[in-house]
N, C-alpha and C. Protein backbone atom coordinates (compact mmCIF):
# COMPACT_ATOMS: atom_id res chain seq x y z
N MET A 1 58.69 -50.89 1.42
CA MET A 1 57.51 -51.29 2.11
C MET A 1 56.76 -50.05 2.54
N ARG A 2 57.40 -48.93 3.21
CA ARG A 2 56.78 -47.88 3.70
C ARG A 2 55.92 -47.08 2.48
N GLN A 3 56.85 -47.00 1.30
CA GLN A 3 56.29 -46.48 0.01
C GLN A 3 54.96 -47.15 -0.54
N SER A 4 54.76 -48.46 -0.19
CA SER A 4 53.66 -49.15 -0.55
C SER A 4 52.54 -49.04 0.17
N LYS A 5 52.67 -48.82 1.61
CA LYS A 5 51.68 -48.62 2.45
C LYS A 5 50.97 -47.23 2.22
N ARG A 6 51.80 -46.32 1.96
CA ARG A 6 51.49 -44.88 1.63
C ARG A 6 50.53 -44.72 0.42
N ILE A 7 51.02 -45.62 -0.76
CA ILE A 7 50.20 -45.61 -1.62
C ILE A 7 48.94 -46.36 -1.60
N LEU A 8 48.97 -47.36 -0.89
CA LEU A 8 47.60 -48.28 -0.49
C LEU A 8 46.60 -47.07 0.36
N ILE A 9 47.24 -46.54 1.15
CA ILE A 9 46.34 -45.69 1.98
C ILE A 9 45.82 -44.56 1.10
N ILE A 10 46.58 -43.81 0.19
CA ILE A 10 46.11 -42.94 -0.68
C ILE A 10 45.12 -43.33 -1.58
N PHE A 11 45.28 -44.66 -2.03
CA PHE A 11 44.24 -45.35 -2.73
C PHE A 11 43.04 -45.51 -2.16
N PHE A 12 43.00 -45.97 -1.00
CA PHE A 12 41.65 -46.06 -0.23
C PHE A 12 40.98 -44.87 0.13
N ILE A 13 41.71 -43.84 0.36
CA ILE A 13 41.02 -42.51 0.76
C ILE A 13 40.58 -42.01 -0.44
N ALA A 14 41.13 -42.02 -1.80
CA ALA A 14 40.76 -41.58 -3.01
C ALA A 14 39.31 -42.32 -3.40
N LEU A 15 39.28 -43.71 -3.06
CA LEU A 15 38.49 -44.62 -3.45
C LEU A 15 37.17 -44.17 -2.61
N GLY A 16 37.39 -43.79 -1.26
CA GLY A 16 36.38 -43.52 -0.38
C GLY A 16 35.67 -42.09 -0.87
N LEU A 17 36.42 -41.01 -1.15
CA LEU A 17 35.98 -39.74 -1.60
C LEU A 17 35.18 -40.06 -2.84
N ASN A 18 35.72 -40.97 -3.76
CA ASN A 18 34.97 -41.29 -5.09
C ASN A 18 33.77 -41.88 -4.83
N GLY A 19 33.37 -42.66 -3.73
CA GLY A 19 32.38 -43.27 -3.47
C GLY A 19 31.24 -42.35 -2.98
N CYS A 20 31.54 -41.30 -2.71
CA CYS A 20 30.55 -40.15 -2.20
C CYS A 20 29.62 -39.48 -3.26
N GLY A 21 30.24 -39.68 -4.62
CA GLY A 21 29.56 -39.44 -5.76
C GLY A 21 28.79 -38.04 -5.72
N ILE A 22 27.57 -37.99 -5.96
CA ILE A 22 26.80 -36.68 -5.97
C ILE A 22 26.39 -36.08 -4.79
N TYR A 23 26.58 -36.95 -3.58
CA TYR A 23 26.14 -36.65 -2.15
C TYR A 23 27.36 -35.48 -1.82
N ASN A 24 26.72 -34.58 -0.87
CA ASN A 24 27.50 -33.54 -0.27
C ASN A 24 27.44 -34.14 1.25
N PHE A 25 28.28 -33.24 1.98
CA PHE A 25 28.57 -33.71 3.55
C PHE A 25 27.31 -33.54 4.27
N THR A 26 26.19 -32.84 3.78
CA THR A 26 25.03 -32.99 4.63
C THR A 26 23.90 -34.16 4.23
N GLY A 27 24.47 -34.99 3.31
CA GLY A 27 23.41 -36.10 2.89
C GLY A 27 22.63 -35.64 1.76
N GLY A 28 22.55 -34.61 1.34
CA GLY A 28 21.60 -34.07 0.03
C GLY A 28 22.05 -34.53 -1.30
N ASP A 29 21.18 -35.10 -1.98
CA ASP A 29 21.36 -35.99 -3.38
C ASP A 29 20.47 -34.85 -4.27
N VAL A 30 21.40 -34.09 -4.87
CA VAL A 30 20.73 -32.98 -5.79
C VAL A 30 20.66 -33.67 -6.97
N GLY A 31 21.26 -34.75 -7.34
CA GLY A 31 21.41 -35.52 -8.69
C GLY A 31 22.08 -34.45 -9.66
N THR A 32 21.21 -34.27 -10.86
CA THR A 32 21.87 -33.37 -11.88
C THR A 32 21.06 -31.84 -11.61
N ALA A 33 20.44 -31.71 -10.55
CA ALA A 33 19.68 -30.41 -10.60
C ALA A 33 20.69 -29.37 -10.33
N THR A 34 20.69 -28.03 -10.45
CA THR A 34 21.58 -27.13 -10.31
C THR A 34 20.76 -25.82 -9.64
N THR A 35 19.45 -25.79 -9.79
CA THR A 35 18.59 -24.58 -9.09
C THR A 35 17.23 -25.07 -8.51
N PHE A 36 17.03 -24.26 -7.70
CA PHE A 36 15.70 -24.73 -7.03
C PHE A 36 14.88 -23.33 -6.84
N SER A 37 13.45 -23.50 -6.52
CA SER A 37 12.56 -22.55 -6.44
C SER A 37 11.83 -22.82 -5.15
N VAL A 38 11.41 -21.67 -4.54
CA VAL A 38 10.61 -21.65 -3.42
C VAL A 38 9.55 -20.44 -3.53
N PRO A 39 8.47 -20.69 -4.09
CA PRO A 39 7.48 -19.60 -4.05
C PRO A 39 6.87 -19.38 -2.67
N ARG A 40 6.52 -18.11 -2.18
CA ARG A 40 5.95 -17.91 -1.00
C ARG A 40 5.00 -18.85 -0.64
N PHE A 41 5.02 -19.36 0.45
CA PHE A 41 4.00 -20.35 1.14
C PHE A 41 2.80 -19.46 1.65
N GLN A 42 1.59 -19.68 1.10
CA GLN A 42 0.47 -18.94 1.51
C GLN A 42 0.05 -19.34 3.05
N ASN A 43 -0.59 -18.38 3.84
CA ASN A 43 -0.84 -18.82 5.04
C ASN A 43 -2.27 -18.97 5.05
N TYR A 44 -2.89 -20.29 5.01
CA TYR A 44 -4.34 -20.52 5.06
C TYR A 44 -4.51 -21.15 6.41
N ALA A 45 -3.69 -20.85 7.55
CA ALA A 45 -4.10 -21.53 8.71
C ALA A 45 -5.46 -20.75 9.28
N THR A 46 -5.48 -19.57 9.09
CA THR A 46 -6.63 -19.07 9.52
C THR A 46 -8.10 -19.46 9.11
N GLN A 47 -7.90 -20.41 8.15
CA GLN A 47 -9.44 -20.90 7.54
C GLN A 47 -9.70 -22.07 8.46
N ASN A 48 -8.77 -22.53 9.24
CA ASN A 48 -9.17 -23.79 10.14
C ASN A 48 -9.65 -23.18 11.73
N PRO A 49 -10.49 -23.90 12.17
CA PRO A 49 -10.98 -23.48 13.33
C PRO A 49 -10.11 -23.38 14.66
N GLY A 50 -9.80 -22.60 15.30
CA GLY A 50 -8.55 -22.35 16.44
C GLY A 50 -7.40 -22.02 15.87
N SER A 51 -7.31 -21.77 14.66
CA SER A 51 -6.03 -21.25 14.42
C SER A 51 -6.09 -19.50 14.51
N VAL A 52 -4.92 -19.14 14.58
CA VAL A 52 -4.55 -17.80 14.96
C VAL A 52 -3.77 -17.09 13.75
N PHE A 53 -3.95 -15.79 13.54
CA PHE A 53 -3.14 -15.13 12.43
C PHE A 53 -1.89 -14.71 13.01
N GLU A 54 -0.79 -14.90 12.17
CA GLU A 54 0.44 -14.42 12.67
C GLU A 54 1.03 -13.55 11.42
N PRO A 55 1.11 -12.36 11.59
CA PRO A 55 1.62 -11.44 10.46
C PRO A 55 3.02 -11.84 9.93
N GLY A 56 3.30 -12.01 8.65
CA GLY A 56 4.67 -12.35 8.29
C GLY A 56 5.03 -13.84 8.25
N LEU A 57 4.18 -14.69 8.85
CA LEU A 57 4.65 -16.04 8.95
C LEU A 57 4.89 -16.71 7.76
N GLU A 58 4.14 -16.31 6.65
CA GLU A 58 4.36 -17.01 5.54
C GLU A 58 5.81 -16.56 4.84
N ARG A 59 6.09 -15.43 4.98
CA ARG A 59 7.41 -14.97 4.57
C ARG A 59 8.68 -15.57 5.28
N ASP A 60 8.40 -15.52 6.67
CA ASP A 60 9.51 -15.95 7.45
C ASP A 60 9.64 -17.52 7.22
N PHE A 61 8.65 -18.34 7.07
CA PHE A 61 8.71 -19.72 6.81
C PHE A 61 9.41 -19.92 5.38
N THR A 62 8.84 -19.21 4.32
CA THR A 62 9.56 -19.28 3.15
C THR A 62 11.28 -19.08 3.02
N GLN A 63 11.36 -17.79 3.75
CA GLN A 63 12.74 -17.75 3.90
C GLN A 63 13.47 -18.72 4.76
N ALA A 64 13.04 -19.28 5.68
CA ALA A 64 13.82 -20.36 6.33
C ALA A 64 14.12 -21.63 5.55
N LEU A 65 12.88 -21.81 4.62
CA LEU A 65 13.09 -23.09 3.74
C LEU A 65 14.36 -23.06 2.77
N GLN A 66 14.30 -21.75 1.97
CA GLN A 66 15.27 -21.22 1.16
C GLN A 66 16.68 -21.34 1.83
N ASP A 67 16.61 -20.77 2.99
CA ASP A 67 18.08 -20.61 3.66
C ASP A 67 18.59 -22.08 4.11
N ARG A 68 17.67 -23.29 4.34
CA ARG A 68 17.82 -24.39 4.71
C ARG A 68 18.58 -25.16 3.45
N ILE A 69 17.83 -24.99 2.35
CA ILE A 69 18.39 -25.74 1.04
C ILE A 69 19.63 -24.99 0.63
N LEU A 70 19.67 -23.85 0.59
CA LEU A 70 21.06 -22.97 0.14
C LEU A 70 22.08 -23.35 1.17
N ASN A 71 22.08 -23.61 2.42
CA ASN A 71 23.03 -23.88 3.36
C ASN A 71 23.62 -25.41 3.24
N GLN A 72 22.51 -26.25 2.79
CA GLN A 72 22.93 -27.80 2.76
C GLN A 72 23.22 -28.31 1.32
N THR A 73 22.98 -27.42 0.38
CA THR A 73 23.29 -27.98 -0.89
C THR A 73 24.03 -26.84 -1.56
N SER A 74 24.60 -27.46 -2.91
CA SER A 74 25.23 -26.47 -3.72
C SER A 74 24.21 -25.77 -4.95
N LEU A 75 23.02 -26.10 -4.63
CA LEU A 75 21.96 -25.31 -5.45
C LEU A 75 21.80 -23.95 -5.44
N ASP A 76 21.63 -23.32 -6.73
CA ASP A 76 21.43 -21.98 -6.53
C ASP A 76 19.85 -21.67 -6.53
N LEU A 77 19.54 -20.74 -5.80
CA LEU A 77 17.91 -20.17 -5.62
C LEU A 77 17.55 -19.30 -6.99
N THR A 78 16.43 -19.59 -7.76
CA THR A 78 15.86 -18.99 -8.68
C THR A 78 14.42 -18.62 -8.35
N SER A 79 14.02 -17.45 -8.92
CA SER A 79 12.58 -17.08 -8.54
C SER A 79 11.61 -17.95 -9.04
N ASN A 80 11.90 -18.47 -10.32
CA ASN A 80 10.84 -19.44 -10.72
C ASN A 80 11.49 -20.14 -11.87
N GLY A 81 11.15 -21.58 -12.07
CA GLY A 81 11.71 -22.24 -13.12
C GLY A 81 12.91 -23.07 -12.73
N GLY A 82 12.94 -23.49 -11.40
CA GLY A 82 13.97 -24.22 -11.00
C GLY A 82 13.92 -25.56 -11.29
N ASP A 83 15.22 -26.17 -11.10
CA ASP A 83 15.03 -27.72 -11.44
C ASP A 83 14.42 -28.45 -10.07
N LEU A 84 14.39 -27.91 -8.87
CA LEU A 84 13.75 -28.59 -7.86
C LEU A 84 12.46 -27.37 -7.53
N LEU A 85 11.45 -27.79 -7.39
CA LEU A 85 10.22 -26.70 -6.83
C LEU A 85 9.64 -27.26 -5.64
N TYR A 86 9.65 -26.30 -4.63
CA TYR A 86 9.01 -26.42 -3.35
C TYR A 86 7.83 -25.51 -3.25
N GLU A 87 6.50 -26.04 -3.21
CA GLU A 87 5.66 -25.18 -3.19
C GLU A 87 4.56 -25.71 -1.91
N GLY A 88 3.53 -24.76 -1.53
CA GLY A 88 2.84 -25.20 -0.70
C GLY A 88 2.15 -24.29 0.12
N GLU A 89 1.64 -24.47 1.36
CA GLU A 89 0.86 -23.36 2.08
C GLU A 89 0.81 -24.04 3.51
N ILE A 90 0.96 -23.01 4.54
CA ILE A 90 0.69 -23.06 5.91
C ILE A 90 -0.58 -23.44 6.17
N VAL A 91 -0.96 -24.62 6.81
CA VAL A 91 -2.38 -25.05 6.96
C VAL A 91 -2.86 -24.86 8.50
N GLU A 92 -1.79 -25.00 9.46
CA GLU A 92 -2.22 -24.77 10.67
C GLU A 92 -1.18 -23.90 11.47
N TYR A 93 -1.64 -23.22 12.45
CA TYR A 93 -0.81 -22.35 13.18
C TYR A 93 -1.94 -21.94 14.55
N ARG A 94 -1.55 -22.71 15.53
CA ARG A 94 -2.47 -22.47 16.66
C ARG A 94 -1.70 -22.71 18.05
N ILE A 95 -2.44 -22.17 18.98
CA ILE A 95 -2.00 -22.37 20.50
C ILE A 95 -3.13 -23.02 21.05
N ALA A 96 -2.65 -24.02 21.77
CA ALA A 96 -3.81 -24.88 22.53
C ALA A 96 -3.20 -25.24 24.05
N PRO A 97 -4.24 -25.44 24.81
CA PRO A 97 -3.67 -25.69 26.34
C PRO A 97 -3.28 -27.30 26.21
N MET A 98 -2.28 -27.77 26.80
CA MET A 98 -1.80 -29.05 26.77
C MET A 98 -1.96 -29.89 28.01
N SER A 99 -1.78 -29.19 29.19
CA SER A 99 -2.12 -29.90 30.52
C SER A 99 -2.60 -28.90 31.48
N ALA A 100 -3.49 -29.39 32.42
CA ALA A 100 -4.18 -28.61 33.36
C ALA A 100 -3.54 -28.74 34.84
N THR A 101 -3.88 -28.02 35.59
CA THR A 101 -3.41 -27.80 37.10
C THR A 101 -4.65 -28.36 37.67
N ALA A 102 -4.46 -28.47 39.02
CA ALA A 102 -5.54 -28.75 40.02
C ALA A 102 -6.63 -28.03 40.17
N GLN A 103 -6.60 -26.68 39.60
CA GLN A 103 -7.47 -25.71 39.67
C GLN A 103 -8.02 -25.62 38.29
N GLN A 104 -7.99 -26.47 37.43
CA GLN A 104 -8.60 -26.62 36.10
C GLN A 104 -8.32 -25.56 35.05
N THR A 105 -6.97 -25.23 35.25
CA THR A 105 -6.45 -24.05 34.49
C THR A 105 -5.25 -24.50 33.80
N ALA A 106 -4.79 -24.09 32.60
CA ALA A 106 -3.87 -24.54 31.69
C ALA A 106 -2.29 -24.43 32.62
N ALA A 107 -1.86 -25.51 32.55
CA ALA A 107 -0.31 -25.44 33.13
C ALA A 107 0.57 -25.38 31.84
N GLN A 108 0.39 -25.79 31.04
CA GLN A 108 1.24 -25.65 29.76
C GLN A 108 0.47 -25.50 28.49
N ASN A 109 1.01 -24.65 27.44
CA ASN A 109 0.29 -24.59 26.12
C ASN A 109 1.32 -25.03 25.10
N ARG A 110 0.59 -25.35 23.95
CA ARG A 110 1.51 -25.76 22.88
C ARG A 110 1.10 -24.81 21.53
N LEU A 111 2.20 -24.37 20.98
CA LEU A 111 2.22 -23.79 19.79
C LEU A 111 2.40 -24.69 18.74
N SER A 112 1.42 -24.99 17.72
CA SER A 112 1.71 -26.01 16.65
C SER A 112 1.63 -25.36 15.32
N MET A 113 2.46 -25.83 14.38
CA MET A 113 2.26 -25.41 13.03
C MET A 113 2.35 -26.55 11.96
N ALA A 114 1.71 -26.66 10.97
CA ALA A 114 1.91 -27.43 9.97
C ALA A 114 1.72 -26.84 8.42
N VAL A 115 2.63 -27.51 7.72
CA VAL A 115 2.59 -26.99 6.33
C VAL A 115 2.29 -28.22 5.48
N ASN A 116 1.68 -27.94 4.30
CA ASN A 116 1.30 -29.04 3.23
C ASN A 116 2.58 -28.42 2.15
N VAL A 117 3.29 -29.33 1.60
CA VAL A 117 4.30 -29.32 0.77
C VAL A 117 4.32 -30.02 -0.49
N ARG A 118 4.33 -29.31 -1.71
CA ARG A 118 4.42 -30.39 -2.90
C ARG A 118 5.80 -29.99 -3.48
N PHE A 119 6.32 -30.97 -3.76
CA PHE A 119 7.92 -31.03 -4.33
C PHE A 119 7.90 -31.64 -5.68
N TYR A 120 8.53 -30.99 -6.64
CA TYR A 120 8.65 -31.41 -8.09
C TYR A 120 10.05 -31.35 -8.36
N ASN A 121 10.69 -32.42 -8.85
CA ASN A 121 12.10 -32.62 -9.30
C ASN A 121 11.94 -32.86 -10.75
N LYS A 122 12.33 -31.74 -11.69
CA LYS A 122 12.35 -31.98 -13.27
C LYS A 122 13.43 -32.91 -13.54
N THR A 123 14.43 -33.03 -12.71
CA THR A 123 15.47 -34.10 -13.18
C THR A 123 15.24 -35.64 -12.89
N LYS A 124 14.27 -35.60 -11.85
CA LYS A 124 14.07 -37.11 -11.55
C LYS A 124 12.46 -37.22 -11.00
N GLU A 125 11.71 -37.37 -11.76
CA GLU A 125 10.18 -37.18 -11.73
C GLU A 125 9.56 -38.20 -10.63
N ASP A 126 10.28 -39.44 -10.61
CA ASP A 126 9.70 -40.17 -9.30
C ASP A 126 9.93 -39.80 -7.89
N ALA A 127 10.70 -38.75 -7.84
CA ALA A 127 10.99 -38.03 -6.60
C ALA A 127 9.80 -37.13 -6.04
N ASP A 128 8.83 -36.74 -6.95
CA ASP A 128 7.91 -35.82 -6.65
C ASP A 128 6.93 -36.26 -5.47
N PHE A 129 6.58 -35.48 -4.86
CA PHE A 129 5.69 -36.02 -3.50
C PHE A 129 4.61 -34.78 -3.16
N GLU A 130 3.78 -34.91 -2.47
CA GLU A 130 2.96 -33.94 -1.81
C GLU A 130 2.86 -34.67 -0.14
N GLN A 131 3.11 -33.81 0.71
CA GLN A 131 3.15 -34.27 2.11
C GLN A 131 2.87 -33.02 3.12
N ARG A 132 2.30 -33.51 4.20
CA ARG A 132 2.23 -32.49 5.48
C ARG A 132 3.16 -32.68 6.32
N PHE A 133 3.72 -31.56 6.98
CA PHE A 133 5.03 -31.59 7.95
C PHE A 133 4.50 -30.72 8.85
N SER A 134 4.65 -31.15 10.18
CA SER A 134 4.28 -30.18 11.18
C SER A 134 5.26 -30.58 12.44
N PHE A 135 5.33 -29.25 13.51
CA PHE A 135 5.95 -29.69 14.62
C PHE A 135 5.23 -28.67 15.60
N PHE A 136 5.70 -28.54 16.94
CA PHE A 136 5.31 -27.90 17.88
C PHE A 136 6.41 -27.45 18.93
N TYR A 137 5.75 -26.39 19.84
CA TYR A 137 6.74 -25.87 20.72
C TYR A 137 6.02 -25.52 22.03
N ASP A 138 6.34 -26.34 23.09
CA ASP A 138 5.53 -26.28 24.40
C ASP A 138 6.19 -25.15 25.22
N PHE A 139 5.21 -24.47 26.07
CA PHE A 139 5.69 -23.48 26.85
C PHE A 139 4.91 -23.26 28.00
N PRO A 140 4.99 -22.68 29.25
CA PRO A 140 4.32 -22.42 30.41
C PRO A 140 2.90 -21.55 29.95
N ALA A 141 2.01 -22.01 30.45
CA ALA A 141 0.65 -21.12 30.31
C ALA A 141 0.88 -19.65 30.86
N ALA A 142 1.69 -19.44 31.81
CA ALA A 142 1.55 -18.19 32.45
C ALA A 142 2.57 -17.38 31.43
N THR A 143 3.12 -17.69 30.47
CA THR A 143 4.22 -17.23 29.66
C THR A 143 3.22 -16.42 28.43
N GLN A 144 3.33 -15.35 28.09
CA GLN A 144 2.79 -14.76 27.04
C GLN A 144 3.11 -15.34 25.70
N PRO A 145 2.47 -15.63 24.81
CA PRO A 145 2.89 -16.11 23.52
C PRO A 145 3.82 -15.24 22.83
N SER A 146 3.75 -13.85 22.89
CA SER A 146 4.68 -13.14 22.19
C SER A 146 6.14 -12.90 22.68
N ALA A 147 5.95 -13.38 24.12
CA ALA A 147 7.25 -13.64 24.76
C ALA A 147 8.21 -14.61 24.24
N ILE A 148 7.64 -15.69 23.71
CA ILE A 148 8.32 -16.98 23.28
C ILE A 148 8.27 -17.27 21.56
N LYS A 149 7.66 -16.19 21.09
CA LYS A 149 7.39 -16.38 19.57
C LYS A 149 8.63 -16.58 18.78
N SER A 150 9.58 -15.94 19.03
CA SER A 150 10.79 -15.87 18.14
C SER A 150 11.50 -17.16 18.28
N GLU A 151 11.72 -17.79 19.50
CA GLU A 151 12.26 -18.92 19.97
C GLU A 151 11.41 -20.18 19.62
N ALA A 152 10.12 -19.97 19.61
CA ALA A 152 9.35 -20.95 19.13
C ALA A 152 9.22 -21.15 17.82
N LEU A 153 9.17 -20.31 17.06
CA LEU A 153 9.33 -20.27 15.42
C LEU A 153 10.47 -20.67 14.88
N GLU A 154 11.70 -20.30 15.66
CA GLU A 154 12.95 -20.87 15.43
C GLU A 154 12.98 -22.36 15.41
N VAL A 155 12.68 -22.87 16.47
CA VAL A 155 12.61 -24.44 16.73
C VAL A 155 11.66 -25.22 15.76
N ILE A 156 10.58 -24.62 15.51
CA ILE A 156 9.66 -25.22 14.81
C ILE A 156 9.99 -25.11 13.42
N PHE A 157 10.45 -23.89 12.76
CA PHE A 157 11.01 -23.82 11.52
C PHE A 157 12.17 -24.77 11.32
N GLU A 158 13.07 -24.90 12.11
CA GLU A 158 14.23 -25.82 11.97
C GLU A 158 13.82 -27.19 11.85
N ARG A 159 12.78 -27.72 12.63
CA ARG A 159 12.30 -29.14 12.56
C ARG A 159 11.79 -29.38 11.29
N ILE A 160 10.82 -28.46 10.83
CA ILE A 160 9.97 -28.60 9.72
C ILE A 160 10.89 -28.60 8.38
N THR A 161 11.61 -27.57 8.27
CA THR A 161 12.53 -27.26 7.26
C THR A 161 13.47 -28.52 7.10
N GLN A 162 14.07 -29.19 8.02
CA GLN A 162 14.85 -30.30 8.04
C GLN A 162 13.85 -31.62 7.57
N ASP A 163 12.85 -31.69 8.12
CA ASP A 163 12.10 -32.73 7.64
C ASP A 163 11.89 -32.73 5.97
N ILE A 164 11.34 -31.55 5.60
CA ILE A 164 11.28 -31.31 4.12
C ILE A 164 12.45 -31.41 3.47
N PHE A 165 13.48 -31.09 3.84
CA PHE A 165 14.87 -31.49 3.23
C PHE A 165 15.27 -32.78 3.20
N ASN A 166 14.91 -33.64 4.18
CA ASN A 166 15.32 -34.86 4.46
C ASN A 166 14.44 -35.83 3.36
N GLU A 167 13.04 -35.52 3.37
CA GLU A 167 12.15 -35.95 2.33
C GLU A 167 12.35 -35.93 0.84
N SER A 168 13.07 -34.49 0.50
CA SER A 168 13.12 -34.18 -0.79
C SER A 168 14.50 -34.66 -1.33
N LEU A 169 15.62 -34.54 -0.49
CA LEU A 169 16.92 -34.67 -1.00
C LEU A 169 17.78 -35.67 -0.07
N ALA A 170 17.43 -36.01 0.87
CA ALA A 170 18.19 -37.08 1.80
C ALA A 170 17.88 -38.34 1.29
N ASP A 171 18.52 -38.90 0.29
CA ASP A 171 18.09 -40.07 -0.49
C ASP A 171 18.93 -41.28 0.11
N TRP A 172 18.51 -41.51 1.40
CA TRP A 172 19.08 -42.68 1.80
C TRP A 172 18.77 -44.10 1.69
């Protein structure tokens, strides 16, 4: 009797693991793809009124997206010709006042960033898309933007890269 229970438990565990198929533990469905490419995202944010220039932003964002995909899939990064291609541009990077005090001065500022992404999947063409992704970071107006830049970009990159990953590979 005990032997049959053990066999039954092992059977159900094996069946459950088999049902995971091509998904990994992060929920990324890479299908038959084995490689991906992320060319440098160009920074076109300064072409929009109110946007500010941040040196190295395009390099840092591109690296963050590459790291997200590398860490959450088994795909290999290639400089070009990947089965999955993420390309796009940074279209917004601005700091704007969010709330005012009784003295009509800013109490809080918001750093916001938006990217336009084009995703191409050579192994599953109906998964291709073009979409805008954005996020923000609020901080006290008395704080200098340079003092919060690292933390703010970490939070913004985390959210935007996760949203891009979910849209492209989390096939729920």
